[in-house]
Amino acid sequence: MRLIGDFYRDKILTRNDLTHRELTLSTDKPLKIIKCLFGWELIGGDEVMDCRSEVEARYLSVFAELGFHEVAVPASDEYLEKALPELEYLKTRADEILSEHLETIFDPRIKQKVRRDVYFEISR
């Protein structure tokens, strides 16, 4: 299985049209993507990030859920739209595998710590 870190290195960091975005959203509750008057917003807790498109908001939400504090974002929404399905698949697959292995752990703090540690490892 390809890791998210490999995807990020191969498909994102190799581009020359990158901007860097800081991710300060709380991921204690599920992130929300909302269309607003001037574009899209990614909302986590009390924090709001403005996004130029829905696809950028979806891209940023994946990395926020993985615990990234900063992420490189391609300027091309067309490229993001092509790359995003693979990224979302990798994240969903990692979540499924983690959930299977964490079924027997009942302490939510330990589950969250294991999940963060695994996300860190697969994102390197």
PDB file of N, CA and C in Angstrom:
ATOM      1  N   MET A   1       0.843  -1.183   0.000  1.00  0.00           N
ATOM      2  CA  MET A   1       0.000   0.000   0.000  1.00  0.00           C
ATOM      3  C   MET A   1       0.887   1.245   0.000  1.00  0.00           C
ATOM      4  N   ARG A   2       0.577   2.175  -0.859  1.00  0.00           N
ATOM      5  CA  ARG A   2       1.304   3.435  -0.931  1.00  0.00           C
ATOM      6  C   ARG A   2       0.946   4.296   0.287  1.00  0.00           C
ATOM      7  N   LEU A   3       1.929   4.976   0.839  1.00  0.00           N
ATOM      8  CA  LEU A   3       1.703   5.804   2.015  1.00  0.00           C
ATOM      9  C   LEU A   3       1.414   7.246   1.604  1.00  0.00           C
ATOM     10  N   ILE A   4       0.727   7.961   2.471  1.00  0.00           N
ATOM     11  CA  ILE A   4       0.370   9.344   2.199  1.00  0.00           C
ATOM     12  C   ILE A   4       1.624  10.208   2.048  1.00  0.00           C
ATOM     13  N   GLY A   5       2.651   9.922   2.816  1.00  0.00           N
ATOM     14  CA  GLY A   5       3.902  10.669   2.695  1.00  0.00           C
ATOM     15  C   GLY A   5       4.523  10.510   1.312  1.00  0.00           C
ATOM     16  N   ASP A   6       4.458   9.299   0.753  1.00  0.00           N
ATOM     17  CA  ASP A   6       4.971   9.068  -0.599  1.00  0.00           C
ATOM     18  C   ASP A   6       4.157   9.856  -1.621  1.00  0.00           C
ATOM     19  N   PHE A   7       2.844   9.835  -1.478  1.00  0.00           N
ATOM     20  CA  PHE A   7       1.965  10.597  -2.369  1.00  0.00           C
ATOM     21  C   PHE A   7       2.330  12.079  -2.316  1.00  0.00           C
ATOM     22  N   TYR A   8       2.464  12.613  -1.126  1.00  0.00           N
ATOM     23  CA  TYR A   8       2.752  14.040  -0.928  1.00  0.00           C
ATOM     24  C   TYR A   8       4.097  14.415  -1.562  1.00  0.00           C
ATOM     25  N   ARG A   9       5.097  13.577  -1.335  1.00  0.00           N
ATOM     26  CA  ARG A   9       6.425  13.833  -1.893  1.00  0.00           C
ATOM     27  C   ARG A   9       6.415  13.760  -3.427  1.00  0.00           C
ATOM     28  N   ASP A  10       5.760  12.726  -3.971  1.00  0.00           N
ATOM     29  CA  ASP A  10       5.804  12.477  -5.417  1.00  0.00           C
ATOM     30  C   ASP A  10       4.856  13.358  -6.225  1.00  0.00           C
ATOM     31  N   LYS A  11       3.655  13.567  -5.713  1.00  0.00           N
ATOM     32  CA  LYS A  11       2.632  14.258  -6.503  1.00  0.00           C
ATOM     33  C   LYS A  11       2.490  15.743  -6.178  1.00  0.00           C
ATOM     34  N   ILE A  12       2.886  16.152  -4.998  1.00  0.00           N
ATOM     35  CA  ILE A  12       2.678  17.540  -4.583  1.00  0.00           C
ATOM     36  C   ILE A  12       3.998  18.320  -4.545  1.00  0.00           C
ATOM     37  N   LEU A  13       4.948  17.836  -3.779  1.00  0.00           N
ATOM     38  CA  LEU A  13       6.180  18.602  -3.568  1.00  0.00           C
ATOM     39  C   LEU A  13       7.037  18.749  -4.824  1.00  0.00           C
ATOM     40  N   THR A  14       6.760  17.965  -5.854  1.00  0.00           N
ATOM     41  CA  THR A  14       7.526  18.066  -7.094  1.00  0.00           C
ATOM     42  C   THR A  14       7.040  19.199  -7.994  1.00  0.00           C
ATOM     43  N   ARG A  15       5.926  19.809  -7.647  1.00  0.00           N
ATOM     44  CA  ARG A  15       5.354  20.887  -8.478  1.00  0.00           C
ATOM     45  C   ARG A  15       6.043  22.216  -8.183  1.00  0.00           C
ATOM     46  N   ASN A  16       5.997  23.120  -9.150  1.00  0.00           N
ATOM     47  CA  ASN A  16       6.647  24.417  -8.956  1.00  0.00           C
ATOM     48  C   ASN A  16       5.640  25.553  -8.760  1.00  0.00           C
ATOM     49  N   ASP A  17       4.369  25.221  -8.573  1.00  0.00           N
ATOM     50  CA  ASP A  17       3.337  26.248  -8.372  1.00  0.00           C
ATOM     51  C   ASP A  17       2.730  26.181  -6.973  1.00  0.00           C
ATOM     52  N   LEU A  18       3.561  25.871  -5.982  1.00  0.00           N
ATOM     53  CA  LEU A  18       3.061  25.627  -4.629  1.00  0.00           C
ATOM     54  C   LEU A  18       2.972  26.904  -3.796  1.00  0.00           C
ATOM     55  N   THR A  19       1.934  26.959  -2.987  1.00  0.00           N
ATOM     56  CA  THR A  19       1.846  27.942  -1.922  1.00  0.00           C
ATOM     57  C   THR A  19       1.739  27.160  -0.623  1.00  0.00           C
ATOM     58  N   HIS A  20       2.152  27.742   0.465  1.00  0.00           N
ATOM     59  CA  HIS A  20       2.096  27.046   1.751  1.00  0.00           C
ATOM     60  C   HIS A  20       0.967  27.632   2.587  1.00  0.00           C
ATOM     61  N   ARG A  21       0.191  26.738   3.165  1.00  0.00           N
ATOM     62  CA  ARG A  21      -0.920  27.144   4.028  1.00  0.00           C
ATOM     63  C   ARG A  21      -0.700  26.588   5.421  1.00  0.00           C
ATOM     64  N   GLU A  22      -0.953  27.416   6.401  1.00  0.00           N
ATOM     65  CA  GLU A  22      -0.859  26.995   7.801  1.00  0.00           C
ATOM     66  C   GLU A  22      -2.201  26.415   8.213  1.00  0.00           C
ATOM     67  N   LEU A  23      -2.167  25.270   8.876  1.00  0.00           N
ATOM     68  CA  LEU A  23      -3.392  24.597   9.317  1.00  0.00           C
ATOM     69  C   LEU A  23      -3.507  24.727  10.829  1.00  0.00           C
ATOM     70  N   THR A  24      -4.397  25.595  11.280  1.00  0.00           N
ATOM     71  CA  THR A  24      -4.565  25.843  12.710  1.00  0.00           C
ATOM     72  C   THR A  24      -5.934  25.382  13.192  1.00  0.00           C
ATOM     73  N   LEU A  25      -6.590  24.565  12.399  1.00  0.00           N
ATOM     74  CA  LEU A  25      -7.950  24.134  12.722  1.00  0.00           C
ATOM     75  C   LEU A  25      -7.959  23.062  13.799  1.00  0.00           C
ATOM     76  N   SER A  26      -8.957  23.112  14.659  1.00  0.00           N
ATOM     77  CA  SER A  26      -9.170  22.066  15.647  1.00  0.00           C
ATOM     78  C   SER A  26      -9.826  20.876  14.952  1.00  0.00           C
ATOM     79  N   THR A  27      -9.305  19.699  15.200  1.00  0.00           N
ATOM     80  CA  THR A  27      -9.893  18.504  14.598  1.00  0.00           C
ATOM     81  C   THR A  27     -10.559  17.612  15.650  1.00  0.00           C
ATOM     82  N   ASP A  28     -10.909  18.213  16.785  1.00  0.00           N
ATOM     83  CA  ASP A  28     -11.600  17.448  17.826  1.00  0.00           C
ATOM     84  C   ASP A  28     -12.960  16.971  17.334  1.00  0.00           C
ATOM     85  N   LYS A  29     -13.599  17.789  16.526  1.00  0.00           N
ATOM     86  CA  LYS A  29     -14.883  17.440  15.908  1.00  0.00           C
ATOM     87  C   LYS A  29     -14.657  17.386  14.404  1.00  0.00           C
ATOM     88  N   PRO A  30     -15.543  16.738  13.668  1.00  0.00           N
ATOM     89  CA  PRO A  30     -15.361  16.668  12.211  1.00  0.00           C
ATOM     90  C   PRO A  30     -15.302  18.068  11.584  1.00  0.00           C
ATOM     91  N   LEU A  31     -14.423  18.211  10.610  1.00  0.00           N
ATOM     92  CA  LEU A  31     -14.298  19.475   9.891  1.00  0.00           C
ATOM     93  C   LEU A  31     -15.491  19.649   8.963  1.00  0.00           C
ATOM     94  N   LYS A  32     -15.871  20.904   8.725  1.00  0.00           N
ATOM     95  CA  LYS A  32     -16.992  21.205   7.838  1.00  0.00           C
ATOM     96  C   LYS A  32     -16.487  22.045   6.669  1.00  0.00           C
ATOM     97  N   ILE A  33     -17.030  21.779   5.497  1.00  0.00           N
ATOM     98  CA  ILE A  33     -16.742  22.575   4.311  1.00  0.00           C
ATOM     99  C   ILE A  33     -18.041  23.264   3.914  1.00  0.00           C
ATOM    100  N   ILE A  34     -17.985  24.592   3.840  1.00  0.00           N
ATOM    101  CA  ILE A  34     -19.201  25.368   3.582  1.00  0.00           C
ATOM    102  C   ILE A  34     -18.953  26.364   2.458  1.00  0.00           C
ATOM    103  N   LYS A  35     -19.912  26.454   1.543  1.00  0.00           N
ATOM    104  CA  LYS A  35     -19.862  27.477   0.487  1.00  0.00           C
ATOM    105  C   LYS A  35     -20.387  28.765   1.087  1.00  0.00           C
ATOM    106  N   CYS A  36     -19.626  29.837   0.880  1.00  0.00           N
ATOM    107  CA  CYS A  36     -20.057  31.136   1.392  1.00  0.00           C
ATOM    108  C   CYS A  36     -20.050  32.145   0.247  1.00  0.00           C
ATOM    109  N   LEU A  37     -20.314  33.368   0.557  1.00  0.00           N
ATOM    110  CA  LEU A  37     -20.464  34.412  -0.448  1.00  0.00           C
ATOM    111  C   LEU A  37     -19.207  34.611  -1.302  1.00  0.00           C
ATOM    112  N   PHE A  38     -18.043  34.536  -0.693  1.00  0.00           N
ATOM    113  CA  PHE A  38     -16.797  34.827  -1.404  1.00  0.00           C
ATOM    114  C   PHE A  38     -15.954  33.595  -1.693  1.00  0.00           C
ATOM    115  N   GLY A  39     -16.517  32.410  -1.631  1.00  0.00           N
ATOM    116  CA  GLY A  39     -15.756  31.197  -1.908  1.00  0.00           C
ATOM    117  C   GLY A  39     -16.174  30.074  -0.989  1.00  0.00           C
ATOM    118  N   TRP A  40     -15.192  29.393  -0.443  1.00  0.00           N
ATOM    119  CA  TRP A  40     -15.433  28.236   0.420  1.00  0.00           C
ATOM    120  C   TRP A  40     -14.719  28.440   1.746  1.00  0.00           C
ATOM    121  N   GLU A  41     -15.266  27.830   2.782  1.00  0.00           N
ATOM    122  CA  GLU A  41     -14.642  27.875   4.107  1.00  0.00           C
ATOM    123  C   GLU A  41     -14.490  26.464   4.640  1.00  0.00           C
ATOM    124  N   LEU A  42     -13.364  26.246   5.292  1.00  0.00           N
ATOM    125  CA  LEU A  42     -13.111  25.014   6.012  1.00  0.00           C
ATOM    126  C   LEU A  42     -13.178  25.376   7.486  1.00  0.00           C
ATOM    127  N   ILE A  43     -14.067  24.730   8.220  1.00  0.00           N
ATOM    128  CA  ILE A  43     -14.322  25.101   9.607  1.00  0.00           C
ATOM    129  C   ILE A  43     -13.975  23.935  10.535  1.00  0.00           C
ATOM    130  N   GLY A  44     -13.187  24.245  11.554  1.00  0.00           N
ATOM    131  CA  GLY A  44     -12.824  23.279  12.578  1.00  0.00           C
ATOM    132  C   GLY A  44     -12.890  23.952  13.932  1.00  0.00           C
ATOM    133  N   GLY A  45     -13.859  23.556  14.756  1.00  0.00           N
ATOM    134  CA  GLY A  45     -14.041  24.226  16.043  1.00  0.00           C
ATOM    135  C   GLY A  45     -14.450  25.664  15.810  1.00  0.00           C
ATOM    136  N   ASP A  46     -13.718  26.595  16.421  1.00  0.00           N
ATOM    137  CA  ASP A  46     -14.000  28.025  16.251  1.00  0.00           C
ATOM    138  C   ASP A  46     -13.142  28.654  15.141  1.00  0.00           C
ATOM    139  N   GLU A  47     -12.273  27.863  14.534  1.00  0.00           N
ATOM    140  CA  GLU A  47     -11.363  28.371  13.505  1.00  0.00           C
ATOM    141  C   GLU A  47     -11.995  28.234  12.119  1.00  0.00           C
ATOM    142  N   VAL A  48     -11.733  29.218  11.274  1.00  0.00           N
ATOM    143  CA  VAL A  48     -12.249  29.209   9.902  1.00  0.00           C
ATOM    144  C   VAL A  48     -11.097  29.518   8.953  1.00  0.00           C
ATOM    145  N   MET A  49     -10.979  28.714   7.894  1.00  0.00           N
ATOM    146  CA  MET A  49      -9.993  28.965   6.839  1.00  0.00           C
ATOM    147  C   MET A  49     -10.734  29.274   5.556  1.00  0.00           C
ATOM    148  N   ASP A  50     -10.367  30.352   4.911  1.00  0.00           N
ATOM    149  CA  ASP A  50     -10.923  30.664   3.601  1.00  0.00           C
ATOM    150  C   ASP A  50     -10.203  29.830   2.551  1.00  0.00           C
ATOM    151  N   CYS A  51     -10.967  29.296   1.610  1.00  0.00           N
ATOM    152  CA  CYS A  51     -10.418  28.482   0.532  1.00  0.00           C
ATOM    153  C   CYS A  51     -10.936  28.992  -0.801  1.00  0.00           C
ATOM    154  N   ARG A  52     -10.148  28.868  -1.839  1.00  0.00           N
ATOM    155  CA  ARG A  52     -10.543  29.375  -3.148  1.00  0.00           C
ATOM    156  C   ARG A  52     -11.551  28.477  -3.843  1.00  0.00           C
ATOM    157  N   SER A  53     -11.617  27.185  -3.424  1.00  0.00           N
ATOM    158  CA  SER A  53     -12.526  26.240  -4.074  1.00  0.00           C
ATOM    159  C   SER A  53     -12.865  25.109  -3.114  1.00  0.00           C
ATOM    160  N   GLU A  54     -13.880  24.357  -3.472  1.00  0.00           N
ATOM    161  CA  GLU A  54     -14.248  23.192  -2.665  1.00  0.00           C
ATOM    162  C   GLU A  54     -13.130  22.159  -2.682  1.00  0.00           C
ATOM    163  N   VAL A  55     -12.483  21.983  -3.819  1.00  0.00           N
ATOM    164  CA  VAL A  55     -11.426  20.981  -3.921  1.00  0.00           C
ATOM    165  C   VAL A  55     -10.234  21.356  -3.035  1.00  0.00           C
ATOM    166  N   GLU A  56      -9.916  22.642  -2.931  1.00  0.00           N
ATOM    167  CA  GLU A  56      -8.850  23.057  -2.025  1.00  0.00           C
ATOM    168  C   GLU A  56      -9.255  22.802  -0.570  1.00  0.00           C
ATOM    169  N   ALA A  57     -10.498  23.065  -0.228  1.00  0.00           N
ATOM    170  CA  ALA A  57     -10.983  22.823   1.135  1.00  0.00           C
ATOM    171  C   ALA A  57     -10.906  21.337   1.478  1.00  0.00           C
ATOM    172  N   ARG A  58     -11.291  20.475   0.530  1.00  0.00           N
ATOM    173  CA  ARG A  58     -11.206  19.024   0.764  1.00  0.00           C
ATOM    174  C   ARG A  58      -9.762  18.583   0.947  1.00  0.00           C
ATOM    175  N   TYR A  59      -8.869  19.118   0.125  1.00  0.00           N
ATOM    176  CA  TYR A  59      -7.437  18.815   0.203  1.00  0.00           C
ATOM    177  C   TYR A  59      -6.890  19.219   1.575  1.00  0.00           C
ATOM    178  N   LEU A  60      -7.193  20.443   1.992  1.00  0.00           N
ATOM    179  CA  LEU A  60      -6.707  20.927   3.286  1.00  0.00           C
ATOM    180  C   LEU A  60      -7.290  20.136   4.447  1.00  0.00           C
ATOM    181  N   SER A  61      -8.540  19.703   4.316  1.00  0.00           N
ATOM    182  CA  SER A  61      -9.169  18.951   5.414  1.00  0.00           C
ATOM    183  C   SER A  61      -8.475  17.610   5.632  1.00  0.00           C
ATOM    184  N   VAL A  62      -8.044  16.960   4.561  1.00  0.00           N
ATOM    185  CA  VAL A  62      -7.327  15.686   4.712  1.00  0.00           C
ATOM    186  C   VAL A  62      -6.061  15.893   5.529  1.00  0.00           C
ATOM    187  N   PHE A  63      -5.301  16.916   5.177  1.00  0.00           N
ATOM    188  CA  PHE A  63      -4.039  17.145   5.889  1.00  0.00           C
ATOM    189  C   PHE A  63      -4.258  17.667   7.311  1.00  0.00           C
ATOM    190  N   ALA A  64      -5.312  18.424   7.528  1.00  0.00           N
ATOM    191  CA  ALA A  64      -5.632  18.863   8.893  1.00  0.00           C
ATOM    192  C   ALA A  64      -5.971  17.655   9.761  1.00  0.00           C
ATOM    193  N   GLU A  65      -6.755  16.718   9.221  1.00  0.00           N
ATOM    194  CA  GLU A  65      -7.114  15.509   9.974  1.00  0.00           C
ATOM    195  C   GLU A  65      -5.899  14.642  10.252  1.00  0.00           C
ATOM    196  N   LEU A  66      -4.905  14.699   9.378  1.00  0.00           N
ATOM    197  CA  LEU A  66      -3.672  13.938   9.592  1.00  0.00           C
ATOM    198  C   LEU A  66      -2.750  14.595  10.615  1.00  0.00           C
ATOM    199  N   GLY A  67      -3.065  15.834  11.006  1.00  0.00           N
ATOM    200  CA  GLY A  67      -2.265  16.510  12.020  1.00  0.00           C
ATOM    201  C   GLY A  67      -1.181  17.416  11.461  1.00  0.00           C
ATOM    202  N   PHE A  68      -1.202  17.699  10.163  1.00  0.00           N
ATOM    203  CA  PHE A  68      -0.226  18.619   9.588  1.00  0.00           C
ATOM    204  C   PHE A  68      -0.474  20.025  10.136  1.00  0.00           C
ATOM    205  N   HIS A  69       0.600  20.772  10.358  1.00  0.00           N
ATOM    206  CA  HIS A  69       0.486  22.159  10.798  1.00  0.00           C
ATOM    207  C   HIS A  69       0.679  23.119   9.630  1.00  0.00           C
ATOM    208  N   GLU A  70       1.332  22.620   8.576  1.00  0.00           N
ATOM    209  CA  GLU A  70       1.540  23.409   7.363  1.00  0.00           C
ATOM    210  C   GLU A  70       1.543  22.438   6.194  1.00  0.00           C
ATOM    211  N   VAL A  71       0.995  22.873   5.068  1.00  0.00           N
ATOM    212  CA  VAL A  71       0.923  22.003   3.904  1.00  0.00           C
ATOM    213  C   VAL A  71       1.135  22.816   2.633  1.00  0.00           C
ATOM    214  N   ALA A  72       1.797  22.199   1.662  1.00  0.00           N
ATOM    215  CA  ALA A  72       1.986  22.824   0.357  1.00  0.00           C
ATOM    216  C   ALA A  72       0.737  22.559  -0.481  1.00  0.00           C
ATOM    217  N   VAL A  73       0.257  23.603  -1.152  1.00  0.00           N
ATOM    218  CA  VAL A  73      -0.966  23.506  -1.949  1.00  0.00           C
ATOM    219  C   VAL A  73      -0.676  23.925  -3.380  1.00  0.00           C
ATOM    220  N   PRO A  74      -0.916  23.038  -4.345  1.00  0.00           N
ATOM    221  CA  PRO A  74      -0.756  23.436  -5.745  1.00  0.00           C
ATOM    222  C   PRO A  74      -1.742  24.548  -6.104  1.00  0.00           C
ATOM    223  N   ALA A  75      -1.303  25.478  -6.949  1.00  0.00           N
ATOM    224  CA  ALA A  75      -2.152  26.602  -7.349  1.00  0.00           C
ATOM    225  C   ALA A  75      -3.265  26.164  -8.295  1.00  0.00           C
ATOM    226  N   SER A  76      -3.067  25.059  -8.978  1.00  0.00           N
ATOM    227  CA  SER A  76      -4.029  24.609  -9.980  1.00  0.00           C
ATOM    228  C   SER A  76      -5.132  23.747  -9.353  1.00  0.00           C
ATOM    229  N   ASP A  77      -6.362  24.249  -9.425  1.00  0.00           N
ATOM    230  CA  ASP A  77      -7.491  23.449  -8.941  1.00  0.00           C
ATOM    231  C   ASP A  77      -7.711  22.219  -9.813  1.00  0.00           C
ATOM    232  N   GLU A  78      -7.391  22.329 -11.101  1.00  0.00           N
ATOM    233  CA  GLU A  78      -7.534  21.180 -11.996  1.00  0.00           C
ATOM    234  C   GLU A  78      -6.606  20.049 -11.558  1.00  0.00           C
ATOM    235  N   TYR A  79      -5.374  20.403 -11.191  1.00  0.00           N
ATOM    236  CA  TYR A  79      -4.438  19.382 -10.717  1.00  0.00           C
ATOM    237  C   TYR A  79      -4.917  18.791  -9.396  1.00  0.00           C
ATOM    238  N   LEU A  80      -5.371  19.645  -8.499  1.00  0.00           N
ATOM    239  CA  LEU A  80      -5.887  19.156  -7.215  1.00  0.00           C
ATOM    240  C   LEU A  80      -7.049  18.200  -7.433  1.00  0.00           C
ATOM    241  N   GLU A  81      -7.915  18.529  -8.370  1.00  0.00           N
ATOM    242  CA  GLU A  81      -9.083  17.685  -8.641  1.00  0.00           C
ATOM    243  C   GLU A  81      -8.668  16.302  -9.140  1.00  0.00           C
ATOM    244  N   LYS A  82      -7.575  16.242  -9.891  1.00  0.00           N
ATOM    245  CA  LYS A  82      -7.077  14.949 -10.379  1.00  0.00           C
ATOM    246  C   LYS A  82      -6.382  14.159  -9.271  1.00  0.00           C
ATOM    247  N   ALA A  83      -5.651  14.858  -8.408  1.00  0.00           N
ATOM    248  CA  ALA A  83      -4.859  14.194  -7.369  1.00  0.00           C
ATOM    249  C   ALA A  83      -5.680  13.836  -6.134  1.00  0.00           C
ATOM    250  N   LEU A  84      -6.727  14.590  -5.864  1.00  0.00           N
ATOM    251  CA  LEU A  84      -7.490  14.426  -4.624  1.00  0.00           C
ATOM    252  C   LEU A  84      -8.110  13.045  -4.426  1.00  0.00           C
ATOM    253  N   PRO A  85      -8.671  12.396  -5.447  1.00  0.00           N
ATOM    254  CA  PRO A  85      -9.251  11.071  -5.209  1.00  0.00           C
ATOM    255  C   PRO A  85      -8.247  10.068  -4.636  1.00  0.00           C
ATOM    256  N   GLU A  86      -7.011  10.091  -5.134  1.00  0.00           N
ATOM    257  CA  GLU A  86      -6.010   9.173  -4.600  1.00  0.00           C
ATOM    258  C   GLU A  86      -5.676   9.511  -3.150  1.00  0.00           C
ATOM    259  N   LEU A  87      -5.546  10.796  -2.857  1.00  0.00           N
ATOM    260  CA  LEU A  87      -5.254  11.219  -1.482  1.00  0.00           C
ATOM    261  C   LEU A  87      -6.380  10.808  -0.540  1.00  0.00           C
ATOM    262  N   GLU A  88      -7.612  11.067  -0.933  1.00  0.00           N
ATOM    263  CA  GLU A  88      -8.756  10.699  -0.090  1.00  0.00           C
ATOM    264  C   GLU A  88      -8.862   9.189   0.068  1.00  0.00           C
ATOM    265  N   TYR A  89      -8.537   8.440  -0.980  1.00  0.00           N
ATOM    266  CA  TYR A  89      -8.543   6.975  -0.881  1.00  0.00           C
ATOM    267  C   TYR A  89      -7.496   6.508   0.128  1.00  0.00           C
ATOM    268  N   LEU A  90      -6.285   7.047   0.037  1.00  0.00           N
ATOM    269  CA  LEU A  90      -5.225   6.652   0.969  1.00  0.00           C
ATOM    270  C   LEU A  90      -5.617   6.957   2.406  1.00  0.00           C
ATOM    271  N   LYS A  91      -6.221   8.124   2.632  1.00  0.00           N
ATOM    272  CA  LYS A  91      -6.653   8.506   3.987  1.00  0.00           C
ATOM    273  C   LYS A  91      -7.775   7.595   4.479  1.00  0.00           C
ATOM    274  N   THR A  92      -8.751   7.329   3.619  1.00  0.00           N
ATOM    275  CA  THR A  92      -9.870   6.461   3.999  1.00  0.00           C
ATOM    276  C   THR A  92      -9.375   5.056   4.318  1.00  0.00           C
ATOM    277  N   ARG A  93      -8.479   4.549   3.481  1.00  0.00           N
ATOM    278  CA  ARG A  93      -7.935   3.201   3.701  1.00  0.00           C
ATOM    279  C   ARG A  93      -7.156   3.144   5.020  1.00  0.00           C
ATOM    280  N   ALA A  94      -6.364   4.167   5.306  1.00  0.00           N
ATOM    281  CA  ALA A  94      -5.623   4.204   6.570  1.00  0.00           C
ATOM    282  C   ALA A  94      -6.592   4.244   7.750  1.00  0.00           C
ATOM    283  N   ASP A  95      -7.669   5.015   7.632  1.00  0.00           N
ATOM    284  CA  ASP A  95      -8.678   5.084   8.697  1.00  0.00           C
ATOM    285  C   ASP A  95      -9.341   3.727   8.919  1.00  0.00           C
ATOM    286  N   GLU A  96      -9.653   3.020   7.827  1.00  0.00           N
ATOM    287  CA  GLU A  96     -10.288   1.705   7.946  1.00  0.00           C
ATOM    288  C   GLU A  96      -9.375   0.716   8.655  1.00  0.00           C
ATOM    289  N   ILE A  97      -8.120   0.691   8.257  1.00  0.00           N
ATOM    290  CA  ILE A  97      -7.155  -0.230   8.873  1.00  0.00           C
ATOM    291  C   ILE A  97      -6.966   0.110  10.349  1.00  0.00           C
ATOM    292  N   LEU A  98      -6.838   1.406  10.650  1.00  0.00           N
ATOM    293  CA  LEU A  98      -6.682   1.830  12.044  1.00  0.00           C
ATOM    294  C   LEU A  98      -7.892   1.440  12.881  1.00  0.00           C
ATOM    295  N   SER A  99      -9.081   1.670  12.348  1.00  0.00           N
ATOM    296  CA  SER A  99     -10.303   1.354  13.097  1.00  0.00           C
ATOM    297  C   SER A  99     -10.378  -0.128  13.427  1.00  0.00           C
ATOM    298  N   GLU A 100      -9.998  -0.972  12.471  1.00  0.00           N
ATOM    299  CA  GLU A 100      -9.988  -2.422  12.725  1.00  0.00           C
ATOM    300  C   GLU A 100      -9.055  -2.768  13.881  1.00  0.00           C
ATOM    301  N   HIS A 101      -7.884  -2.168  13.893  1.00  0.00           N
ATOM    302  CA  HIS A 101      -6.886  -2.504  14.911  1.00  0.00           C
ATOM    303  C   HIS A 101      -7.164  -1.836  16.254  1.00  0.00           C
ATOM    304  N   LEU A 102      -7.934  -0.768  16.248  1.00  0.00           N
ATOM    305  CA  LEU A 102      -8.209  -0.061  17.499  1.00  0.00           C
ATOM    306  C   LEU A 102      -9.522  -0.484  18.163  1.00  0.00           C
ATOM    307  N   GLU A 103     -10.217  -1.460  17.563  1.00  0.00           N
ATOM    308  CA  GLU A 103     -11.504  -1.897  18.124  1.00  0.00           C
ATOM    309  C   GLU A 103     -11.394  -2.375  19.562  1.00  0.00           C
ATOM    310  N   THR A 104     -10.283  -2.994  19.902  1.00  0.00           N
ATOM    311  CA  THR A 104     -10.145  -3.582  21.237  1.00  0.00           C
ATOM    312  C   THR A 104      -9.623  -2.595  22.276  1.00  0.00           C
ATOM    313  N   ILE A 105      -9.286  -1.381  21.861  1.00  0.00           N
ATOM    314  CA  ILE A 105      -8.826  -0.360  22.801  1.00  0.00           C
ATOM    315  C   ILE A 105     -10.023   0.512  23.155  1.00  0.00           C
ATOM    316  N   PHE A 106     -10.319   0.575  24.437  1.00  0.00           N
ATOM    317  CA  PHE A 106     -11.513   1.300  24.870  1.00  0.00           C
ATOM    318  C   PHE A 106     -11.242   2.701  25.382  1.00  0.00           C
ATOM    319  N   ASP A 107     -10.019   2.981  25.775  1.00  0.00           N
ATOM    320  CA  ASP A 107      -9.673   4.307  26.285  1.00  0.00           C
ATOM    321  C   ASP A 107      -9.528   5.284  25.116  1.00  0.00           C
ATOM    322  N   PRO A 108     -10.395   6.308  25.022  1.00  0.00           N
ATOM    323  CA  PRO A 108     -10.343   7.230  23.882  1.00  0.00           C
ATOM    324  C   PRO A 108      -9.029   8.003  23.774  1.00  0.00           C
ATOM    325  N   ARG A 109      -8.390   8.297  24.910  1.00  0.00           N
ATOM    326  CA  ARG A 109      -7.112   9.007  24.863  1.00  0.00           C
ATOM    327  C   ARG A 109      -6.031   8.154  24.210  1.00  0.00           C
ATOM    328  N   ILE A 110      -6.009   6.877  24.538  1.00  0.00           N
ATOM    329  CA  ILE A 110      -5.017   5.975  23.950  1.00  0.00           C
ATOM    330  C   ILE A 110      -5.306   5.791  22.466  1.00  0.00           C
ATOM    331  N   LYS A 111      -6.581   5.640  22.120  1.00  0.00           N
ATOM    332  CA  LYS A 111      -6.949   5.524  20.697  1.00  0.00           C
ATOM    333  C   LYS A 111      -6.470   6.736  19.917  1.00  0.00           C
ATOM    334  N   GLN A 112      -6.718   7.921  20.450  1.00  0.00           N
ATOM    335  CA  GLN A 112      -6.331   9.148  19.764  1.00  0.00           C
ATOM    336  C   GLN A 112      -4.822   9.259  19.638  1.00  0.00           C
ATOM    337  N   LYS A 113      -4.094   8.871  20.677  1.00  0.00           N
ATOM    338  CA  LYS A 113      -2.637   8.927  20.626  1.00  0.00           C
ATOM    339  C   LYS A 113      -2.096   7.960  19.584  1.00  0.00           C
ATOM    340  N   VAL A 114      -2.620   6.753  19.550  1.00  0.00           N
ATOM    341  CA  VAL A 114      -2.178   5.767  18.557  1.00  0.00           C
ATOM    342  C   VAL A 114      -2.494   6.276  17.153  1.00  0.00           C
ATOM    343  N   ARG A 115      -3.693   6.812  16.976  1.00  0.00           N
ATOM    344  CA  ARG A 115      -4.097   7.340  15.662  1.00  0.00           C
ATOM    345  C   ARG A 115      -3.145   8.463  15.219  1.00  0.00           C
ATOM    346  N   ARG A 116      -2.830   9.405  16.126  1.00  0.00           N
ATOM    347  CA  ARG A 116      -1.900  10.495  15.798  1.00  0.00           C
ATOM    348  C   ARG A 116      -0.519   9.962  15.428  1.00  0.00           C
ATOM    349  N   ASP A 117      -0.030   8.994  16.215  1.00  0.00           N
ATOM    350  CA  ASP A 117       1.294   8.424  15.958  1.00  0.00           C
ATOM    351  C   ASP A 117       1.345   7.706  14.610  1.00  0.00           C
ATOM    352  N   VAL A 118       0.291   6.974  14.279  1.00  0.00           N
ATOM    353  CA  VAL A 118       0.257   6.264  12.996  1.00  0.00           C
ATOM    354  C   VAL A 118       0.168   7.273  11.851  1.00  0.00           C
ATOM    355  N   TYR A 119      -0.677   8.279  11.998  1.00  0.00           N
ATOM    356  CA  TYR A 119      -0.772   9.316  10.962  1.00  0.00           C
ATOM    357  C   TYR A 119       0.587   9.965  10.735  1.00  0.00           C
ATOM    358  N   PHE A 120       1.304  10.224  11.818  1.00  0.00           N
ATOM    359  CA  PHE A 120       2.628  10.825  11.691  1.00  0.00           C
ATOM    360  C   PHE A 120       3.555   9.920  10.880  1.00  0.00           C
ATOM    361  N   GLU A 121       3.542   8.642  11.182  1.00  0.00           N
ATOM    362  CA  GLU A 121       4.429   7.691  10.493  1.00  0.00           C
ATOM    363  C   GLU A 121       4.086   7.538   9.012  1.00  0.00           C
ATOM    364  N   ILE A 122       2.802   7.465   8.676  1.00  0.00           N
ATOM    365  CA  ILE A 122       2.447   7.260   7.265  1.00  0.00           C
ATOM    366  C   ILE A 122       2.531   8.554   6.457  1.00  0.00           C
ATOM    367  N   SER A 123       2.701   9.683   7.134  1.00  0.00           N
ATOM    368  CA  SER A 123       2.787  10.974   6.441  1.00  0.00           C
ATOM    369  C   SER A 123       4.225  11.430   6.243  1.00  0.00           C
ATOM    370  N   ARG A 124       5.171  10.693   6.764  1.00  0.00           N
ATOM    371  CA  ARG A 124       6.579  11.107   6.647  1.00  0.00           C
ATOM    372  C   ARG A 124       7.105  10.865   5.261  1.00  0.00           C
TER     373      ARG A 124
END
